[in-house]
Amino acid sequence: MKFGALEIDAAEGAILAHSVKLPDQVIRKGTTLTSSHIAALASHRVTEVVCARFEAGDVHENDAAERVARLAAGPGIRRDEPFTGRCNLFADQAGLLLIDETAVNELNRIDPGLTFATLPAYSAVEAGRMVATAKIIPFGLPGRVLDQAEDRPTNAETLRIAPFLPLQIGLIQTELPSLKTSVLDKTRRVTEQRLALAGAKIIGERRVSHKSDQVARAMTDLNEAGAGLILVFGASAIIDRDDVIPTAIRIAGGHVTHFGMPVDPGNLLLLGEFRNRPVIGAPGCARSPKENGFDWILNRILADLPVEQDDVTAMGVGGLLMEIVSRPQPRLPASADGPAAALVLAAGQSRRMGQDNKLLALFDGEPLVRRSVRVALASKASPVIVVTGHMEDDIRRALEGLEVIFAHNPDFADGLSSSLKRGLGEVPAGAAGVLVMLADMPGIDAAALDKLLAAFDPAAGQGIVLPTASGKRGNPVIWAREYFTDLQSLSGDTGARHLLADHDAAVHRVEIGQDVLIDVDTPEALAAAGGVIGDKP
C-alpha cells in the first residue's frame, strides 16, 4: 500500500487518510474517493489530499480484520461484522475465557499493522460479552501478512469459552460465639450472587459448630443430597493443613489437595476432594463481594476445568488484587499517635437552619464546632483534621488555640463528599484509618470515640467500625485505609451507606446509645439538644 499526498486529479480510487470538512459536507477518512468526491473537493479549491492506494495483493482493512478474527475464534466465540478495520469477538455463552497466549503473541508479532487484543485469560464472561477485537491499523494489509497469520500451527482454538455448569452447591458455615448471624446471612447472599452467572444454586446449607466432626457430618449430608461442589466457610480462618476444616475433610474420607495460594486477598484458601467432588475451604475475604482468589478457583470449577496444585501456584503474577491495610507495608510507618486519625467535617452550609450556622451555636456557652473538635482531641485518635468551607473565618476563630490540622474545601457547596475527599488527603501516611466525625453531634463524647477506636482492628477483620443505638446505625464511623479509594469515589451530598453494605463482612458494630443518632440540622433539633444561636433562646 502506498501512502502520501496526491494531487486531486490523481486521487480518484484512492482511500482518503484524513477527513476533509467542506462547507456543505464532510468526506470522512477511509472513504474511497469517486469522481463526485473529486469534483466537490476541486469546487472548494482543495488541490491536494493525503491518501492510501492499494497495490497488487493488498487486502482491505475490513476483510483483513474479519480473516484474523475468524482464525482466532474457537468454540463458544462468535464474530461481529467488521467495520473501520475492526472485527469484534463475543462470548456466545456464559463461561470462562480460555486463551492460547502463545498464539496471541505470535499473531501480534507478524506485522505492526495487525493487532489482536483480548480480555485477561480466565475472565468470567456472560453471553454477549465482548472478549476480543482484531484491529487493522492501516487501511489494508499485504495478503502475505494474512497468509502468514493463517498458516500458523497455533491457530486452533486461540480463544474459546469453557461453559459454566449449573452445579448444585452445598454450603457449610461454622459458628463461634463471636460470629454474628448477620455475617452468615450476608455470606450466603454474596455466595449466591457469585454463583448466579454460572446458573449454579445452593441446594442446602448447614450451620454447625466450628468442630471437625460436625463439619465432616455436614459434608456427608450435603454430598448425599446431590451437591456437586461443597463450599466451607469457617468461623475462624484456616491456618494449617491440620486445622479444623482440612481435618474434617479427612475425617469424612476425603483428602486435601492444596492449601494456600499466591493471590491476595485469598491466601488462606484450601482445596480438597470428597467422594470425587471438589471441596473449597473459603478464605475470609470470600465473604466480601469484591474479587479475590476464591473467585479464581470457584470459576474454574464451575467451568469444569481441573484445578491442580501447579494451576494454583502459577497464579502469583497478577495475584496482588488490592492493597491490604492489615498486612505490614514497609512504606507505611506505624502511627506513633494512635490507630486512626480523626476527620471532623465542618464545611457545611447549614441550609435547614436558615441564616444561622449551626456549628456556631452555643452549648453551655461553647460553640458546637469547638465542642466537637475538643471531644476528638480528647480521644485516642490523632491527629485531628478539621475540614472548613462555609464561613471559614468564623469556624477558625471558634477553634482558636486548638491543635488541629485545617483543610479548607473550596468546593463545599458540592456536598459532604467533597469535604470527605479533601480531608482524606490530609490523613498521615502512617495512620491505619480515619474516624469520620460530623461536627453537629453534641451528644458524642471522648469515651464513645475511644470505645469505637478500641474495636478498630483491620487485622482481625474489623476494618470498619460502626456505632449503633439499639441496633440502628449512627455516626461517627471508622474506616481502615483499605477503603479510602472507595470513599474518594463518593459524589454529591450522599454518605457512605452503600459502601457499608458492600463491605458488610468487615463492619464491626458497637452499641453506643442514642447520641450516635442525634445531629442538629434544624432549629427545633438544635433547641431540643440544648443549643442556642447567639443570644437567642
Protein backbone atom coordinates (compact mmCIF):
# COMPACT_ATOMS: atom_id res chain seq x y z
CA MET A 1 0.00 0.00 0.00
CA LYS A 2 1.30 3.43 -0.96
CA PHE A 3 0.58 6.33 1.38
CA GLY A 4 1.09 10.04 0.87
CA ALA A 5 -0.16 13.30 -0.63
CA LEU A 6 -1.83 13.18 -4.03
CA GLU A 7 -2.92 15.88 -6.43
CA ILE A 8 -6.70 15.96 -6.73
CA ASP A 9 -6.58 14.91 -10.36
CA ALA A 10 -4.71 11.72 -9.42
CA ALA A 11 -6.74 10.80 -6.28
CA GLU A 12 -9.78 9.04 -7.73
CA GLY A 13 -9.97 5.47 -6.43
CA ALA A 14 -7.61 6.18 -3.52
CA ILE A 15 -8.61 5.95 0.16
CA LEU A 16 -8.82 9.26 1.99
CA ALA A 17 -6.48 9.21 5.02
CA HIS A 18 -7.91 12.23 6.91
CA SER A 19 -11.42 13.61 6.95
CA VAL A 20 -11.98 16.77 4.91
CA LYS A 21 -14.67 19.21 6.03
CA LEU A 22 -16.30 21.20 3.24
CA PRO A 23 -18.98 23.87 3.71
CA ASP A 24 -21.75 21.53 2.59
CA GLN A 25 -20.41 18.08 3.51
CA VAL A 26 -17.72 16.06 5.27
CA ILE A 27 -15.75 13.48 3.37
CA ARG A 28 -14.63 11.09 6.06
CA LYS A 29 -11.36 9.27 6.30
CA GLY A 30 -11.48 5.77 4.86
CA THR A 31 -13.70 6.89 2.01
CA THR A 32 -12.72 5.59 -1.43
CA LEU A 33 -12.74 8.76 -3.49
CA THR A 34 -15.07 8.84 -6.51
CA SER A 35 -15.33 11.34 -9.32
CA SER A 36 -18.09 13.11 -7.34
CA HIS A 37 -15.79 13.49 -4.34
CA ILE A 38 -13.04 14.84 -6.57
CA ALA A 39 -15.42 17.37 -8.10
CA ALA A 40 -16.61 18.52 -4.68
CA LEU A 41 -13.05 18.94 -3.44
CA ALA A 42 -12.00 20.83 -6.55
CA SER A 43 -15.03 23.15 -6.32
CA HIS A 44 -13.78 24.27 -2.93
CA ARG A 45 -10.23 24.73 -4.20
CA VAL A 46 -8.79 21.68 -2.46
CA THR A 47 -5.81 20.78 -4.58
CA GLU A 48 -4.17 18.00 -2.60
CA VAL A 49 -5.27 15.21 -0.22
CA VAL A 50 -3.42 12.57 1.78
CA CYS A 51 -4.47 9.13 0.60
CA ALA A 52 -3.60 5.47 0.57
CA ARG A 53 -3.66 3.46 -2.62
CA PHE A 54 -3.66 -0.33 -2.67
CA GLU A 55 -1.03 -2.30 -4.52
CA ALA A 56 -1.46 -5.73 -6.01
CA GLY A 57 -2.22 -8.34 -3.35
CA ASP A 58 -3.32 -5.86 -0.66
CA VAL A 59 -6.40 -6.76 1.41
CA HIS A 60 -8.91 -4.12 2.63
CA GLU A 61 -8.84 -3.46 6.36
CA ASN A 62 -12.34 -4.88 6.97
CA ASP A 63 -11.63 -8.09 5.09
CA ALA A 64 -8.29 -8.42 6.85
CA ALA A 65 -9.84 -7.90 10.31
CA GLU A 66 -12.53 -10.49 9.57
CA ARG A 67 -9.93 -13.05 8.50
CA VAL A 68 -7.88 -12.53 11.68
CA ALA A 69 -10.97 -12.78 13.88
CA ARG A 70 -12.15 -15.93 12.08
CA LEU A 71 -8.88 -17.78 12.61
CA ALA A 72 -8.79 -16.91 16.33
CA ALA A 73 -12.39 -17.74 17.23
CA GLY A 74 -12.84 -21.14 18.82
CA PRO A 75 -15.86 -22.85 20.45
CA GLY A 76 -18.27 -20.51 22.18
CA ILE A 77 -17.00 -17.42 20.32
CA ARG A 78 -18.86 -15.51 17.61
CA ARG A 79 -17.67 -12.75 15.28
CA ASP A 80 -19.39 -9.46 14.57
CA GLU A 81 -19.42 -7.81 11.17
CA PRO A 82 -16.16 -5.91 10.55
CA PHE A 83 -16.16 -2.10 10.44
CA THR A 84 -13.44 0.53 10.06
CA GLY A 85 -10.77 -2.13 10.15
CA ARG A 86 -12.08 -3.78 13.31
CA CYS A 87 -13.79 -7.11 13.94
CA ASN A 88 -15.04 -7.79 17.47
CA LEU A 89 -15.49 -11.20 19.06
CA PHE A 90 -18.14 -12.06 21.64
CA ALA A 91 -18.93 -14.90 24.02
CA ASP A 92 -21.84 -16.99 22.80
CA GLN A 93 -22.43 -18.45 26.26
CA ALA A 94 -21.54 -17.81 29.89
CA GLY A 95 -18.24 -19.29 30.96
CA LEU A 96 -14.51 -18.73 31.35
CA LEU A 97 -12.47 -17.23 28.54
CA LEU A 98 -9.56 -19.53 27.72
CA ILE A 99 -6.70 -18.07 25.70
CA ASP A 100 -3.69 -19.57 24.00
CA GLU A 101 -1.36 -16.75 24.99
CA THR A 102 1.45 -18.05 22.76
CA ALA A 103 -0.86 -17.92 19.74
CA VAL A 104 -1.99 -14.37 20.55
CA ASN A 105 1.59 -13.19 20.97
CA GLU A 106 2.66 -14.82 17.70
CA LEU A 107 -0.23 -13.17 15.91
CA ASN A 108 0.71 -9.71 17.18
CA ARG A 109 4.34 -10.20 16.15
CA ILE A 110 3.63 -10.88 12.47
CA ASP A 111 3.18 -7.26 11.41
CA PRO A 112 2.72 -3.95 13.28
CA GLY A 113 -0.42 -3.26 11.31
CA LEU A 114 -2.14 -6.40 12.61
CA THR A 115 -3.28 -6.20 16.25
CA PHE A 116 -5.33 -8.58 18.37
CA ALA A 117 -6.42 -7.71 21.93
CA THR A 118 -8.34 -9.82 24.46
CA LEU A 119 -9.74 -9.75 27.96
CA PRO A 120 -7.47 -11.36 30.58
CA ALA A 121 -7.27 -15.14 30.48
CA TYR A 122 -9.84 -16.90 32.66
CA SER A 123 -12.18 -13.91 32.69
CA ALA A 124 -15.69 -14.91 33.71
CA VAL A 125 -18.00 -13.68 30.96
CA GLU A 126 -21.71 -13.68 30.28
CA ALA A 127 -23.25 -14.46 26.89
CA GLY A 128 -22.88 -11.44 24.64
CA ARG A 129 -19.75 -10.07 26.38
CA MET A 130 -17.07 -8.73 24.05
CA VAL A 131 -13.95 -10.81 24.66
CA ALA A 132 -11.52 -9.73 21.93
CA THR A 133 -11.02 -7.43 18.96
CA ALA A 134 -8.97 -7.71 15.78
CA LYS A 135 -7.92 -4.25 14.58
CA ILE A 136 -6.03 -3.48 11.39
CA ILE A 137 -4.17 -0.19 11.79
CA PRO A 138 -3.58 0.78 8.13
CA PHE A 139 -6.34 0.78 5.51
CA GLY A 140 -5.16 -2.55 4.25
CA LEU A 141 -2.58 -5.28 4.71
CA PRO A 142 -0.45 -7.18 2.24
CA GLY A 143 -2.03 -10.54 1.54
CA ARG A 144 1.20 -12.28 2.52
CA VAL A 145 0.79 -10.98 6.09
CA LEU A 146 -2.62 -12.62 6.38
CA ASP A 147 -1.31 -15.79 4.72
CA GLN A 148 1.38 -15.96 7.38
CA ALA A 149 -1.20 -15.46 10.12
CA GLU A 150 -3.40 -18.21 8.75
CA ASP A 151 -0.56 -20.67 8.22
CA ARG A 152 0.46 -20.74 11.91
CA PRO A 153 0.10 -24.15 13.60
CA THR A 154 -1.08 -22.43 16.81
CA ASN A 155 -4.30 -21.08 15.30
CA ALA A 156 -6.64 -23.77 16.57
CA GLU A 157 -8.79 -22.51 19.43
CA THR A 158 -6.76 -19.37 20.11
CA LEU A 159 -9.84 -18.26 22.04
CA ARG A 160 -12.61 -20.42 23.40
CA ILE A 161 -15.23 -20.38 26.10
CA ALA A 162 -15.31 -23.10 28.74
CA PRO A 163 -19.06 -23.04 29.53
CA PHE A 164 -20.24 -22.86 33.10
CA LEU A 165 -22.12 -25.82 34.52
CA PRO A 166 -25.26 -25.32 36.62
CA LEU A 167 -23.76 -27.20 39.56
CA GLN A 168 -25.65 -27.95 42.75
CA ILE A 169 -23.74 -26.42 45.63
CA GLY A 170 -23.56 -27.47 49.26
CA LEU A 171 -22.74 -24.65 51.69
CA ILE A 172 -21.28 -25.21 55.17
CA GLN A 173 -20.71 -22.35 57.62
CA THR A 174 -19.17 -22.96 61.01
CA GLU A 175 -20.15 -20.92 64.04
CA LEU A 176 -18.41 -19.46 67.07
CA PRO A 177 -19.98 -17.20 69.72
CA SER A 178 -18.13 -14.18 68.30
CA LEU A 179 -19.58 -14.61 64.80
CA LYS A 180 -22.88 -12.85 64.25
CA THR A 181 -25.77 -14.44 62.37
CA SER A 182 -25.90 -11.39 60.11
CA VAL A 183 -22.42 -12.26 58.82
CA LEU A 184 -23.52 -15.79 57.96
CA ASP A 185 -26.61 -14.46 56.20
CA LYS A 186 -24.53 -11.97 54.23
CA THR A 187 -22.07 -14.72 53.28
CA ARG A 188 -24.86 -16.78 51.78
CA ARG A 189 -26.21 -13.81 49.81
CA VAL A 190 -22.78 -12.95 48.44
CA THR A 191 -22.15 -16.59 47.51
CA GLU A 192 -25.47 -16.81 45.69
CA GLN A 193 -24.52 -13.71 43.71
CA ARG A 194 -21.22 -15.32 42.74
CA LEU A 195 -22.97 -18.46 41.54
CA ALA A 196 -25.68 -16.67 39.55
CA LEU A 197 -23.65 -16.16 36.35
CA ALA A 198 -22.98 -19.89 36.14
CA GLY A 199 -26.59 -20.83 36.88
CA ALA A 200 -25.35 -22.78 39.91
CA LYS A 201 -27.53 -22.93 43.01
CA ILE A 202 -27.15 -23.72 46.69
CA ILE A 203 -29.25 -26.83 47.33
CA GLY A 204 -28.52 -26.99 51.03
CA GLU A 205 -26.78 -25.11 53.80
CA ARG A 206 -25.54 -26.43 57.11
CA ARG A 207 -24.51 -24.19 60.01
CA VAL A 208 -22.54 -26.18 62.52
CA SER A 209 -20.13 -25.63 65.39
CA HIS A 210 -16.51 -24.98 64.45
CA LYS A 211 -15.56 -28.61 65.07
CA SER A 212 -14.11 -31.10 62.63
CA ASP A 213 -16.56 -33.92 63.32
CA GLN A 214 -19.58 -31.68 62.78
CA VAL A 215 -18.17 -30.30 59.53
CA ALA A 216 -17.46 -33.86 58.34
CA ARG A 217 -21.06 -34.94 59.03
CA ALA A 218 -22.35 -31.87 57.17
CA MET A 219 -20.17 -32.73 54.18
CA THR A 220 -21.52 -36.26 54.05
CA ASP A 221 -25.07 -34.99 54.38
CA LEU A 222 -24.72 -32.48 51.53
CA ASN A 223 -22.96 -34.97 49.30
CA GLU A 224 -25.81 -37.43 49.72
CA ALA A 225 -28.23 -34.61 48.89
CA GLY A 226 -26.57 -34.28 45.48
CA ALA A 227 -24.05 -31.46 45.92
CA GLY A 228 -21.51 -31.40 43.12
CA LEU A 229 -19.34 -28.88 44.96
CA ILE A 230 -19.07 -28.16 48.68
CA LEU A 231 -18.05 -24.72 49.97
CA VAL A 232 -16.94 -24.41 53.59
CA PHE A 233 -16.72 -21.03 55.32
CA GLY A 234 -15.01 -21.31 58.68
CA ALA A 235 -15.79 -19.03 61.60
CA SER A 236 -12.03 -18.91 62.03
CA ALA A 237 -9.53 -18.78 59.17
CA ILE A 238 -7.68 -21.92 58.10
CA ILE A 239 -4.04 -21.51 59.08
CA ASP A 240 -2.68 -25.05 58.76
CA ARG A 241 -3.33 -28.30 56.88
CA ASP A 242 -4.29 -29.84 60.23
CA ASP A 243 -6.77 -27.11 61.15
CA VAL A 244 -10.49 -27.78 61.71
CA ILE A 245 -11.70 -27.76 58.09
CA PRO A 246 -8.90 -29.82 56.47
CA THR A 247 -9.19 -32.30 59.33
CA ALA A 248 -12.93 -32.53 58.67
CA ILE A 249 -12.27 -33.38 55.02
CA ARG A 250 -10.03 -36.28 56.08
CA ILE A 251 -12.48 -37.50 58.73
CA ALA A 252 -15.20 -37.60 56.08
CA GLY A 253 -12.99 -39.78 53.88
CA GLY A 254 -11.65 -37.12 51.54
CA HIS A 255 -8.24 -35.56 51.15
CA VAL A 256 -6.62 -32.13 50.94
CA THR A 257 -5.14 -31.40 47.52
CA HIS A 258 -3.64 -27.97 48.22
CA PHE A 259 -3.57 -25.28 50.88
CA GLY A 260 -2.62 -21.67 50.28
CA MET A 261 -2.45 -19.59 47.12
CA PRO A 262 -0.29 -16.69 45.88
CA VAL A 263 -3.30 -14.40 45.48
CA ASP A 264 -4.03 -11.59 47.91
CA PRO A 265 -6.76 -11.39 49.10
CA GLY A 266 -7.25 -15.14 49.10
CA ASN A 267 -4.06 -16.60 50.57
CA LEU A 268 -5.80 -18.94 53.02
CA LEU A 269 -7.79 -20.95 50.51
CA LEU A 270 -7.92 -24.73 50.76
CA LEU A 271 -8.72 -27.23 48.02
CA GLY A 272 -9.88 -30.72 48.78
CA GLU A 273 -11.74 -33.67 47.32
CA PHE A 274 -14.51 -35.74 48.82
CA ARG A 275 -16.15 -38.65 47.02
CA ASN A 276 -14.81 -37.40 43.68
CA ARG A 277 -16.33 -33.97 44.27
CA PRO A 278 -14.34 -30.78 44.89
CA VAL A 279 -14.36 -29.04 48.25
CA ILE A 280 -13.23 -25.43 48.75
CA GLY A 281 -12.30 -24.16 52.18
CA ALA A 282 -13.02 -20.48 51.62
CA PRO A 283 -10.73 -17.70 52.89
CA GLY A 284 -12.33 -14.98 54.98
CA CYS A 285 -12.20 -12.49 52.10
CA ALA A 286 -14.71 -14.64 50.20
CA ARG A 287 -17.42 -13.21 52.46
CA SER A 288 -16.95 -9.94 50.54
CA PRO A 289 -18.33 -9.44 47.02
CA LYS A 290 -15.01 -7.95 45.88
CA GLU A 291 -12.87 -10.09 43.60
CA ASN A 292 -10.42 -12.31 45.44
CA GLY A 293 -8.59 -15.60 44.98
CA PHE A 294 -11.71 -17.57 45.86
CA ASP A 295 -13.35 -16.32 42.63
CA TRP A 296 -10.46 -17.59 40.54
CA ILE A 297 -10.77 -21.13 41.90
CA LEU A 298 -14.56 -21.22 42.10
CA ASN A 299 -14.99 -20.10 38.48
CA ARG A 300 -12.63 -22.76 37.17
CA ILE A 301 -14.53 -25.47 38.99
CA LEU A 302 -17.87 -24.08 37.78
CA ALA A 303 -16.48 -24.28 34.22
CA ASP A 304 -15.47 -27.92 34.78
CA LEU A 305 -11.77 -27.12 34.48
CA PRO A 306 -9.25 -29.11 36.51
CA VAL A 307 -7.51 -27.19 39.28
CA GLU A 308 -4.23 -28.82 40.19
CA GLN A 309 -1.53 -27.66 42.56
CA ASP A 310 0.52 -26.25 39.66
CA ASP A 311 -2.50 -24.23 38.49
CA VAL A 312 -2.78 -22.58 41.89
CA THR A 313 0.92 -21.87 42.34
CA ALA A 314 1.03 -20.24 38.88
CA MET A 315 -1.43 -17.53 39.93
CA GLY A 316 1.10 -15.26 41.62
CA VAL A 317 1.76 -12.97 38.65
CA GLY A 318 -1.22 -10.65 38.76
CA GLY A 319 -2.26 -12.14 42.07
CA LEU A 320 -1.98 -8.91 44.07
CA LEU A 321 -5.57 -7.78 43.62
CA MET A 322 -5.58 -4.91 46.11
CA GLU A 323 -3.53 -3.31 48.83
CA ILE A 324 -4.43 -4.89 52.15
CA VAL A 325 -4.22 -2.49 55.05
CA SER A 326 -3.97 -5.28 57.60
CA ARG A 327 -0.70 -6.52 56.09
CA PRO A 328 2.57 -4.85 57.13
CA GLN A 329 3.60 -2.30 54.50
CA PRO A 330 7.20 -1.07 54.69
CA ARG A 331 6.38 2.27 53.10
CA LEU A 332 3.68 2.96 55.70
CA PRO A 333 5.36 3.50 59.08
CA ALA A 334 3.35 2.58 62.11
CA SER A 335 1.44 5.52 63.56
CA ALA A 336 3.06 6.68 66.79
CA ASP A 337 -0.04 8.56 67.89
CA GLY A 338 -2.87 6.07 67.51
CA PRO A 339 -4.66 3.66 65.23
CA ALA A 340 -6.65 6.27 63.34
CA ALA A 341 -6.81 9.96 62.59
CA ALA A 342 -9.96 11.94 63.33
CA LEU A 343 -11.59 13.86 60.49
CA VAL A 344 -14.13 16.46 61.60
CA LEU A 345 -16.36 17.72 58.77
CA ALA A 346 -17.18 21.38 59.48
CA ALA A 347 -17.66 22.83 55.99
CA GLY A 348 -21.43 22.62 55.54
CA GLN A 349 -23.83 25.48 54.87
CA SER A 350 -26.50 24.59 57.50
CA ARG A 351 -29.20 25.26 54.90
CA ARG A 352 -32.03 23.96 57.09
CA MET A 353 -31.08 26.44 59.81
CA GLY A 354 -31.95 29.47 57.70
CA GLN A 355 -29.41 32.30 58.05
CA ASP A 356 -27.61 30.77 61.03
CA ASN A 357 -24.66 28.39 61.08
CA LYS A 358 -25.49 25.59 63.49
CA LEU A 359 -21.80 24.90 64.12
CA LEU A 360 -21.52 28.29 65.84
CA ALA A 361 -24.49 27.61 68.10
CA LEU A 362 -23.62 27.61 71.80
CA PHE A 363 -23.84 24.58 74.05
CA ASP A 364 -23.10 25.53 77.65
CA GLY A 365 -21.55 28.70 76.27
CA GLU A 366 -19.23 26.89 73.85
CA PRO A 367 -19.60 26.84 70.04
CA LEU A 368 -20.76 23.42 68.83
CA VAL A 369 -17.86 23.05 66.40
CA ARG A 370 -15.35 23.72 69.20
CA ARG A 371 -17.12 21.24 71.45
CA SER A 372 -16.94 18.56 68.72
CA VAL A 373 -13.29 19.18 67.92
CA ARG A 374 -12.35 19.26 71.60
CA VAL A 375 -14.01 15.83 72.02
CA ALA A 376 -11.95 14.49 69.11
CA LEU A 377 -8.76 15.89 70.65
CA ALA A 378 -9.57 14.26 73.99
CA SER A 379 -9.90 10.84 72.34
CA LYS A 380 -7.10 8.47 71.32
CA ALA A 381 -7.46 9.48 67.67
CA SER A 382 -4.55 11.50 66.31
CA PRO A 383 -4.11 13.82 64.55
CA VAL A 384 -7.39 15.73 64.37
CA ILE A 385 -8.15 17.20 60.94
CA VAL A 386 -10.89 19.82 60.51
CA VAL A 387 -12.34 20.48 57.06
CA THR A 388 -13.63 24.04 56.69
CA GLY A 389 -15.67 25.62 53.93
CA HIS A 390 -18.73 27.78 54.59
CA MET A 391 -17.89 30.72 56.93
CA GLU A 392 -14.31 29.51 57.18
CA ASP A 393 -13.05 32.53 59.13
CA ASP A 394 -15.76 32.18 61.78
CA ILE A 395 -15.11 28.46 62.18
CA ARG A 396 -11.37 29.03 62.54
CA ARG A 397 -11.96 31.72 65.19
CA ALA A 398 -14.18 29.32 67.11
CA LEU A 399 -11.34 26.78 67.11
CA GLU A 400 -8.57 29.20 68.01
CA GLY A 401 -5.93 27.67 70.26
CA LEU A 402 -6.79 24.02 69.47
CA GLU A 403 -4.04 21.87 67.96
CA VAL A 404 -5.67 20.70 64.76
CA ILE A 405 -4.82 20.41 61.08
CA PHE A 406 -7.02 22.63 58.93
CA ALA A 407 -8.04 21.60 55.43
CA HIS A 408 -10.13 24.13 53.51
CA ASN A 409 -12.62 22.81 50.95
CA PRO A 410 -13.40 25.48 48.35
CA ASP A 411 -15.98 23.14 46.80
CA PHE A 412 -18.02 22.76 49.99
CA ALA A 413 -21.24 23.63 48.10
CA ASP A 414 -20.86 20.36 46.16
CA GLY A 415 -21.78 18.41 49.27
CA LEU A 416 -20.36 16.27 52.03
CA SER A 417 -18.37 14.02 49.70
CA SER A 418 -16.16 16.91 48.56
CA SER A 419 -15.21 17.67 52.17
CA LEU A 420 -14.54 14.00 52.85
CA LYS A 421 -12.16 13.80 49.88
CA ARG A 422 -10.38 16.97 50.94
CA GLY A 423 -9.91 15.68 54.47
CA LEU A 424 -8.68 12.24 53.41
CA GLY A 425 -5.87 13.96 51.56
CA GLU A 426 -4.53 15.23 54.90
CA VAL A 427 -4.58 11.89 56.73
CA PRO A 428 -0.94 10.98 57.51
CA ALA A 429 0.50 8.01 55.67
CA GLY A 430 1.14 6.25 58.97
CA ALA A 431 -2.49 6.28 60.10
CA ALA A 432 -4.19 2.90 59.77
CA GLY A 433 -7.56 4.55 59.23
CA VAL A 434 -9.76 7.55 59.83
CA LEU A 435 -12.62 8.30 62.20
CA VAL A 436 -15.06 10.41 60.16
CA MET A 437 -16.92 12.69 62.53
CA LEU A 438 -19.74 15.13 61.84
CA ALA A 439 -19.32 18.41 63.70
CA ASP A 440 -23.02 18.75 64.59
CA MET A 441 -23.46 15.86 67.05
CA PRO A 442 -23.44 17.42 70.54
CA GLY A 443 -24.04 14.17 72.42
CA ILE A 444 -20.84 12.43 71.32
CA ASP A 445 -18.06 12.38 73.91
CA ALA A 446 -14.46 11.17 74.01
CA ALA A 447 -15.43 7.96 75.80
CA ALA A 448 -17.70 6.99 72.90
CA LEU A 449 -14.93 7.68 70.39
CA ASP A 450 -12.44 5.63 72.39
CA LYS A 451 -14.89 2.74 72.56
CA LEU A 452 -15.06 2.77 68.77
CA LEU A 453 -11.29 3.09 68.45
CA ALA A 454 -10.76 0.13 70.79
CA ALA A 455 -12.83 -2.03 68.45
CA PHE A 456 -10.92 -0.94 65.33
CA ASP A 457 -8.72 -3.87 64.26
CA PRO A 458 -8.26 -4.34 60.50
CA ALA A 459 -6.02 -7.37 61.03
CA ALA A 460 -8.90 -9.13 62.78
CA GLY A 461 -11.36 -8.26 60.02
CA GLN A 462 -12.76 -5.22 61.84
CA GLY A 463 -11.71 -2.59 59.32
CA ILE A 464 -14.96 -0.62 59.56
CA VAL A 465 -16.36 0.28 62.98
CA LEU A 466 -19.95 1.45 63.11
CA PRO A 467 -21.72 2.83 66.21
CA THR A 468 -25.29 1.73 66.86
CA ALA A 469 -28.23 2.63 69.05
CA SER A 470 -30.47 -0.39 69.70
CA GLY A 471 -29.06 -1.86 66.51
CA LYS A 472 -29.67 1.25 64.39
CA ARG A 473 -26.53 2.62 62.78
CA GLY A 474 -25.23 6.09 63.50
CA ASN A 475 -22.10 8.25 63.39
CA PRO A 476 -19.12 8.62 63.57
CA VAL A 477 -17.67 5.71 61.56
CA ILE A 478 -14.07 4.47 61.45
CA TRP A 479 -12.71 3.36 58.06
CA ALA A 480 -9.47 1.44 57.51
CA ARG A 481 -7.08 2.82 54.91
CA GLU A 482 -8.08 -0.05 52.64
CA TYR A 483 -11.37 1.75 51.96
CA PHE A 484 -10.01 5.23 51.24
CA THR A 485 -10.24 4.71 47.48
CA ASP A 486 -13.91 3.79 47.81
CA LEU A 487 -14.55 6.85 49.96
CA GLN A 488 -12.83 9.03 47.38
CA SER A 489 -15.30 7.76 44.76
CA LEU A 490 -18.34 9.21 46.55
CA SER A 491 -20.10 12.18 45.00
CA GLY A 492 -22.62 14.84 45.96
CA ASP A 493 -24.12 15.02 49.42
CA THR A 494 -24.60 11.29 49.84
CA GLY A 495 -22.86 9.42 52.60
CA ALA A 496 -21.19 6.04 52.53
CA ARG A 497 -24.25 3.90 53.27
CA HIS A 498 -23.84 1.77 50.14
CA LEU A 499 -20.16 1.19 50.98
CA LEU A 500 -21.18 -0.21 54.35
CA ALA A 501 -23.45 -2.65 52.53
CA ASP A 502 -20.70 -3.59 50.05
CA HIS A 503 -18.25 -4.34 52.87
CA ASP A 504 -20.65 -5.73 55.45
CA ALA A 505 -18.32 -8.59 56.35
CA ALA A 506 -15.72 -6.07 57.56
CA VAL A 507 -18.20 -3.98 59.57
CA HIS A 508 -17.96 -4.29 63.35
CA ARG A 509 -20.92 -2.77 65.17
CA VAL A 510 -20.50 -1.21 68.61
CA GLU A 511 -23.53 -0.32 70.70
CA ILE A 512 -23.07 3.24 71.97
CA GLY A 513 -26.54 4.64 72.55
CA GLN A 514 -28.92 7.26 71.21
CA ASP A 515 -26.29 10.01 70.99
CA VAL A 516 -24.92 8.47 67.78
CA LEU A 517 -28.25 9.22 66.07
CA ILE A 518 -28.64 12.85 67.14
CA ASP A 519 -27.47 15.69 64.93
CA VAL A 520 -28.87 19.21 64.86
CA ASP A 521 -30.00 20.01 61.33
CA THR A 522 -32.98 22.23 62.24
CA PRO A 523 -33.70 25.00 64.77
CA GLU A 524 -36.08 22.61 66.55
CA ALA A 525 -33.44 19.87 66.81
CA LEU A 526 -30.88 22.40 67.99
CA ALA A 527 -33.16 23.69 70.76
CA ALA A 528 -34.14 20.16 71.81
CA ALA A 529 -30.44 19.28 72.20
CA GLY A 530 -29.83 22.33 74.42
CA GLY A 531 -28.22 24.67 71.92
CA VAL A 532 -28.80 28.37 71.28
CA ILE A 533 -27.84 30.70 68.44
CA GLY A 534 -26.03 33.67 69.96
CA ASP A 535 -28.39 35.28 72.45
CA LYS A 536 -31.47 33.54 71.04
CA PRO A 537 -33.29 31.24 73.47
